[in-house]
Amino acid sequence: MKPNSVKYIVIHCSDTPDDREHTAADIHRWHKEFGWDGIGYHAVVQRSGKIEYGRPLYWPGAHVKNHNSNSIGVCLIGRHRFEQFQLSALSTFIKNLQSQFPNAKVVGHNELDPDKTCPNFDVQAWLKAQFSYS
């Protein structure tokens, strides 16, 4: 995807138990089982804070209805409680993505699809605290 075509950086959660670690390879397998081409997210943030890559950034994702062609998807492993390591890694990763995609707005999945609760926290409040966004 071209930098100017990316309108959103979308934060997701894996909706898996908070006490279990999963990998991008696990999600790739799950998404293949759904009949998809592979992992729908561009990156996965493990509970340890390790960033794993999924789809290449030049390939549209499969992570948010009606916005896959203009967004980057980042998935946090877990459901409701995210580790400080994860959130710190996410913060750094988002800063890097924003340097590559300067016109992209960071949003939660639920902000683009009101039928979803993912990522199960208020992304805009988190951003404000992280980056002093208004």
C-alpha atoms as a PDB file:
ATOM      1  CA  MET A   1       0.000   0.000   0.000  1.00  0.00           C
ATOM      2  CA  LYS A   2       1.224   3.468  -0.797  1.00  0.00           C
ATOM      3  CA  PRO A   3       1.863   5.772   2.169  1.00  0.00           C
ATOM      4  CA  ASN A   4      -0.765   8.312   1.075  1.00  0.00           C
ATOM      5  CA  SER A   5      -3.444   5.647   0.619  1.00  0.00           C
ATOM      6  CA  VAL A   6      -3.325   4.444   4.239  1.00  0.00           C
ATOM      7  CA  LYS A   7      -6.011   6.270   6.210  1.00  0.00           C
ATOM      8  CA  TYR A   8      -6.012   4.153   9.375  1.00  0.00           C
ATOM      9  CA  ILE A   9      -3.745   2.204  11.676  1.00  0.00           C
ATOM     10  CA  VAL A  10      -6.211  -0.132  13.360  1.00  0.00           C
ATOM     11  CA  ILE A  11      -5.573  -1.688  16.765  1.00  0.00           C
ATOM     12  CA  HIS A  12      -7.133  -5.087  17.415  1.00  0.00           C
ATOM     13  CA  CYS A  13      -6.998  -7.784  20.068  1.00  0.00           C
ATOM     14  CA  SER A  14      -6.806 -11.511  19.405  1.00  0.00           C
ATOM     15  CA  ASP A  15      -9.794 -12.191  21.699  1.00  0.00           C
ATOM     16  CA  THR A  16      -7.861 -15.048  23.306  1.00  0.00           C
ATOM     17  CA  PRO A  17      -7.507 -15.697  27.047  1.00  0.00           C
ATOM     18  CA  ASP A  18      -5.285 -13.106  28.702  1.00  0.00           C
ATOM     19  CA  ASP A  19      -3.058 -15.759  30.263  1.00  0.00           C
ATOM     20  CA  ARG A  20      -2.075 -17.435  26.973  1.00  0.00           C
ATOM     21  CA  GLU A  21       0.627 -16.506  24.526  1.00  0.00           C
ATOM     22  CA  HIS A  22      -0.088 -16.914  20.836  1.00  0.00           C
ATOM     23  CA  THR A  23       2.002 -16.070  17.820  1.00  0.00           C
ATOM     24  CA  ALA A  24       1.510 -14.639  14.364  1.00  0.00           C
ATOM     25  CA  ALA A  25       1.919 -18.216  13.100  1.00  0.00           C
ATOM     26  CA  ASP A  26      -1.031 -19.309  15.271  1.00  0.00           C
ATOM     27  CA  ILE A  27      -3.201 -16.497  13.903  1.00  0.00           C
ATOM     28  CA  HIS A  28      -2.056 -17.307  10.364  1.00  0.00           C
ATOM     29  CA  ARG A  29      -3.208 -20.900  10.877  1.00  0.00           C
ATOM     30  CA  TRP A  30      -6.569 -19.784  12.360  1.00  0.00           C
ATOM     31  CA  HIS A  31      -7.202 -17.402   9.493  1.00  0.00           C
ATOM     32  CA  LYS A  32      -6.296 -20.075   6.925  1.00  0.00           C
ATOM     33  CA  GLU A  33      -8.843 -22.328   8.651  1.00  0.00           C
ATOM     34  CA  PHE A  34     -11.435 -19.567   8.012  1.00  0.00           C
ATOM     35  CA  GLY A  35     -10.596 -19.893   4.305  1.00  0.00           C
ATOM     36  CA  TRP A  36      -8.633 -16.628   4.149  1.00  0.00           C
ATOM     37  CA  ASP A  37      -5.347 -16.197   2.278  1.00  0.00           C
ATOM     38  CA  GLY A  38      -3.505 -16.077   5.598  1.00  0.00           C
ATOM     39  CA  ILE A  39      -3.089 -13.816   8.590  1.00  0.00           C
ATOM     40  CA  GLY A  40      -5.216 -10.711   8.211  1.00  0.00           C
ATOM     41  CA  TYR A  41      -3.055  -8.457  10.421  1.00  0.00           C
ATOM     42  CA  HIS A  42       0.142  -6.729   9.414  1.00  0.00           C
ATOM     43  CA  ALA A  43       1.676  -7.115  12.864  1.00  0.00           C
ATOM     44  CA  VAL A  44       1.076  -8.958  16.123  1.00  0.00           C
ATOM     45  CA  VAL A  45       2.227  -7.721  19.536  1.00  0.00           C
ATOM     46  CA  GLN A  46       2.865 -10.664  21.832  1.00  0.00           C
ATOM     47  CA  ARG A  47       2.274 -10.441  25.575  1.00  0.00           C
ATOM     48  CA  SER A  48       6.061 -10.211  26.037  1.00  0.00           C
ATOM     49  CA  GLY A  49       6.150  -7.103  23.843  1.00  0.00           C
ATOM     50  CA  LYS A  50       7.767  -8.882  20.912  1.00  0.00           C
ATOM     51  CA  ILE A  51       6.495  -7.636  17.559  1.00  0.00           C
ATOM     52  CA  GLU A  52       5.883 -10.254  14.891  1.00  0.00           C
ATOM     53  CA  TYR A  53       5.026  -9.418  11.322  1.00  0.00           C
ATOM     54  CA  GLY A  54       2.040 -10.885   9.532  1.00  0.00           C
ATOM     55  CA  ARG A  55       1.031  -9.622   6.108  1.00  0.00           C
ATOM     56  CA  PRO A  56       3.571  -7.429   4.388  1.00  0.00           C
ATOM     57  CA  LEU A  57       2.688  -3.739   4.549  1.00  0.00           C
ATOM     58  CA  TYR A  58       2.281  -3.577   0.757  1.00  0.00           C
ATOM     59  CA  TRP A  59      -0.506  -6.205   0.898  1.00  0.00           C
ATOM     60  CA  PRO A  60      -3.977  -5.048   2.004  1.00  0.00           C
ATOM     61  CA  GLY A  61      -5.074  -6.660   5.241  1.00  0.00           C
ATOM     62  CA  ALA A  62      -8.123  -8.701   6.167  1.00  0.00           C
ATOM     63  CA  HIS A  63      -8.908  -7.217   9.553  1.00  0.00           C
ATOM     64  CA  VAL A  64     -11.674  -4.598   9.353  1.00  0.00           C
ATOM     65  CA  LYS A  65     -14.763  -4.702   7.158  1.00  0.00           C
ATOM     66  CA  ASN A  66     -14.844  -2.029   4.426  1.00  0.00           C
ATOM     67  CA  HIS A  67     -11.411  -0.628   5.370  1.00  0.00           C
ATOM     68  CA  ASN A  68      -8.890  -3.333   4.475  1.00  0.00           C
ATOM     69  CA  SER A  69      -7.618  -1.536   1.385  1.00  0.00           C
ATOM     70  CA  ASN A  70      -6.744   1.647   3.296  1.00  0.00           C
ATOM     71  CA  SER A  71      -5.553   0.451   6.693  1.00  0.00           C
ATOM     72  CA  ILE A  72      -2.779  -1.294   8.579  1.00  0.00           C
ATOM     73  CA  GLY A  73      -3.891  -3.846  11.187  1.00  0.00           C
ATOM     74  CA  VAL A  74      -2.000  -4.415  14.443  1.00  0.00           C
ATOM     75  CA  CYS A  75      -3.191  -7.126  16.839  1.00  0.00           C
ATOM     76  CA  LEU A  76      -2.482  -7.330  20.572  1.00  0.00           C
ATOM     77  CA  ILE A  77      -2.515 -10.869  21.970  1.00  0.00           C
ATOM     78  CA  GLY A  78      -5.168 -11.092  24.690  1.00  0.00           C
ATOM     79  CA  ARG A  79      -8.718 -10.035  25.372  1.00  0.00           C
ATOM     80  CA  HIS A  80      -9.037  -7.541  28.235  1.00  0.00           C
ATOM     81  CA  ARG A  81      -5.760  -7.232  30.166  1.00  0.00           C
ATOM     82  CA  PHE A  82      -2.697  -6.246  28.202  1.00  0.00           C
ATOM     83  CA  GLU A  83       0.813  -6.296  29.604  1.00  0.00           C
ATOM     84  CA  GLN A  84       2.787  -3.082  30.029  1.00  0.00           C
ATOM     85  CA  PHE A  85       5.464  -4.615  27.761  1.00  0.00           C
ATOM     86  CA  GLN A  86       2.832  -4.995  25.039  1.00  0.00           C
ATOM     87  CA  LEU A  87       1.505  -1.485  25.334  1.00  0.00           C
ATOM     88  CA  SER A  88       5.012  -0.002  25.349  1.00  0.00           C
ATOM     89  CA  ALA A  89       5.925  -2.023  22.258  1.00  0.00           C
ATOM     90  CA  LEU A  90       2.644  -0.981  20.611  1.00  0.00           C
ATOM     91  CA  SER A  91       3.389   2.676  21.322  1.00  0.00           C
ATOM     92  CA  THR A  92       6.839   2.450  19.723  1.00  0.00           C
ATOM     93  CA  PHE A  93       5.509   0.456  16.778  1.00  0.00           C
ATOM     94  CA  ILE A  94       2.750   2.989  16.125  1.00  0.00           C
ATOM     95  CA  LYS A  95       5.264   5.846  16.129  1.00  0.00           C
ATOM     96  CA  ASN A  96       7.251   3.969  13.482  1.00  0.00           C
ATOM     97  CA  LEU A  97       4.152   3.299  11.400  1.00  0.00           C
ATOM     98  CA  GLN A  98       3.126   6.939  11.597  1.00  0.00           C
ATOM     99  CA  SER A  99       6.491   7.980  10.185  1.00  0.00           C
ATOM    100  CA  GLN A 100       5.816   5.673   7.198  1.00  0.00           C
ATOM    101  CA  PHE A 101       2.116   6.562   6.911  1.00  0.00           C
ATOM    102  CA  PRO A 102       1.876  10.181   8.087  1.00  0.00           C
ATOM    103  CA  ASN A 103      -1.769  10.669   7.069  1.00  0.00           C
ATOM    104  CA  ALA A 104      -3.032   7.614   8.971  1.00  0.00           C
ATOM    105  CA  LYS A 105      -5.251   8.016  12.019  1.00  0.00           C
ATOM    106  CA  VAL A 106      -4.820   5.473  14.821  1.00  0.00           C
ATOM    107  CA  VAL A 107      -8.128   3.869  15.790  1.00  0.00           C
ATOM    108  CA  GLY A 108      -9.529   0.831  17.532  1.00  0.00           C
ATOM    109  CA  HIS A 109     -11.348  -1.788  15.465  1.00  0.00           C
ATOM    110  CA  ASN A 110     -14.566  -0.793  17.237  1.00  0.00           C
ATOM    111  CA  GLU A 111     -14.264   2.768  15.925  1.00  0.00           C
ATOM    112  CA  LEU A 112     -14.620   1.527  12.335  1.00  0.00           C
ATOM    113  CA  ASP A 113     -17.064  -1.292  13.055  1.00  0.00           C
ATOM    114  CA  PRO A 114     -19.518  -0.421  15.850  1.00  0.00           C
ATOM    115  CA  ASP A 115     -20.607  -4.074  16.068  1.00  0.00           C
ATOM    116  CA  LYS A 116     -17.171  -4.907  17.517  1.00  0.00           C
ATOM    117  CA  THR A 117     -15.758  -4.301  20.998  1.00  0.00           C
ATOM    118  CA  CYS A 118     -12.184  -5.088  19.905  1.00  0.00           C
ATOM    119  CA  PRO A 119      -9.645  -4.107  21.165  1.00  0.00           C
ATOM    120  CA  ASN A 120     -11.687  -3.819  24.384  1.00  0.00           C
ATOM    121  CA  PHE A 121     -10.167  -0.531  25.526  1.00  0.00           C
ATOM    122  CA  ASP A 122     -10.551   3.106  24.546  1.00  0.00           C
ATOM    123  CA  VAL A 123      -7.817   3.619  21.970  1.00  0.00           C
ATOM    124  CA  GLN A 124      -8.308   7.391  21.806  1.00  0.00           C
ATOM    125  CA  ALA A 125      -7.910   7.765  25.591  1.00  0.00           C
ATOM    126  CA  TRP A 126      -4.834   5.510  25.484  1.00  0.00           C
ATOM    127  CA  LEU A 127      -3.333   7.561  22.647  1.00  0.00           C
ATOM    128  CA  LYS A 128      -3.969  10.777  24.513  1.00  0.00           C
ATOM    129  CA  ALA A 129      -2.121   9.384  27.532  1.00  0.00           C
ATOM    130  CA  GLN A 130       0.700   7.944  25.396  1.00  0.00           C
ATOM    131  CA  PHE A 131       1.284  10.711  22.924  1.00  0.00           C
ATOM    132  CA  SER A 132      -0.483  13.721  24.438  1.00  0.00           C
ATOM    133  CA  TYR A 133      -2.895  13.677  21.497  1.00  0.00           C
ATOM    134  CA  SER A 134      -5.949  15.826  21.692  1.00  0.00           C
END
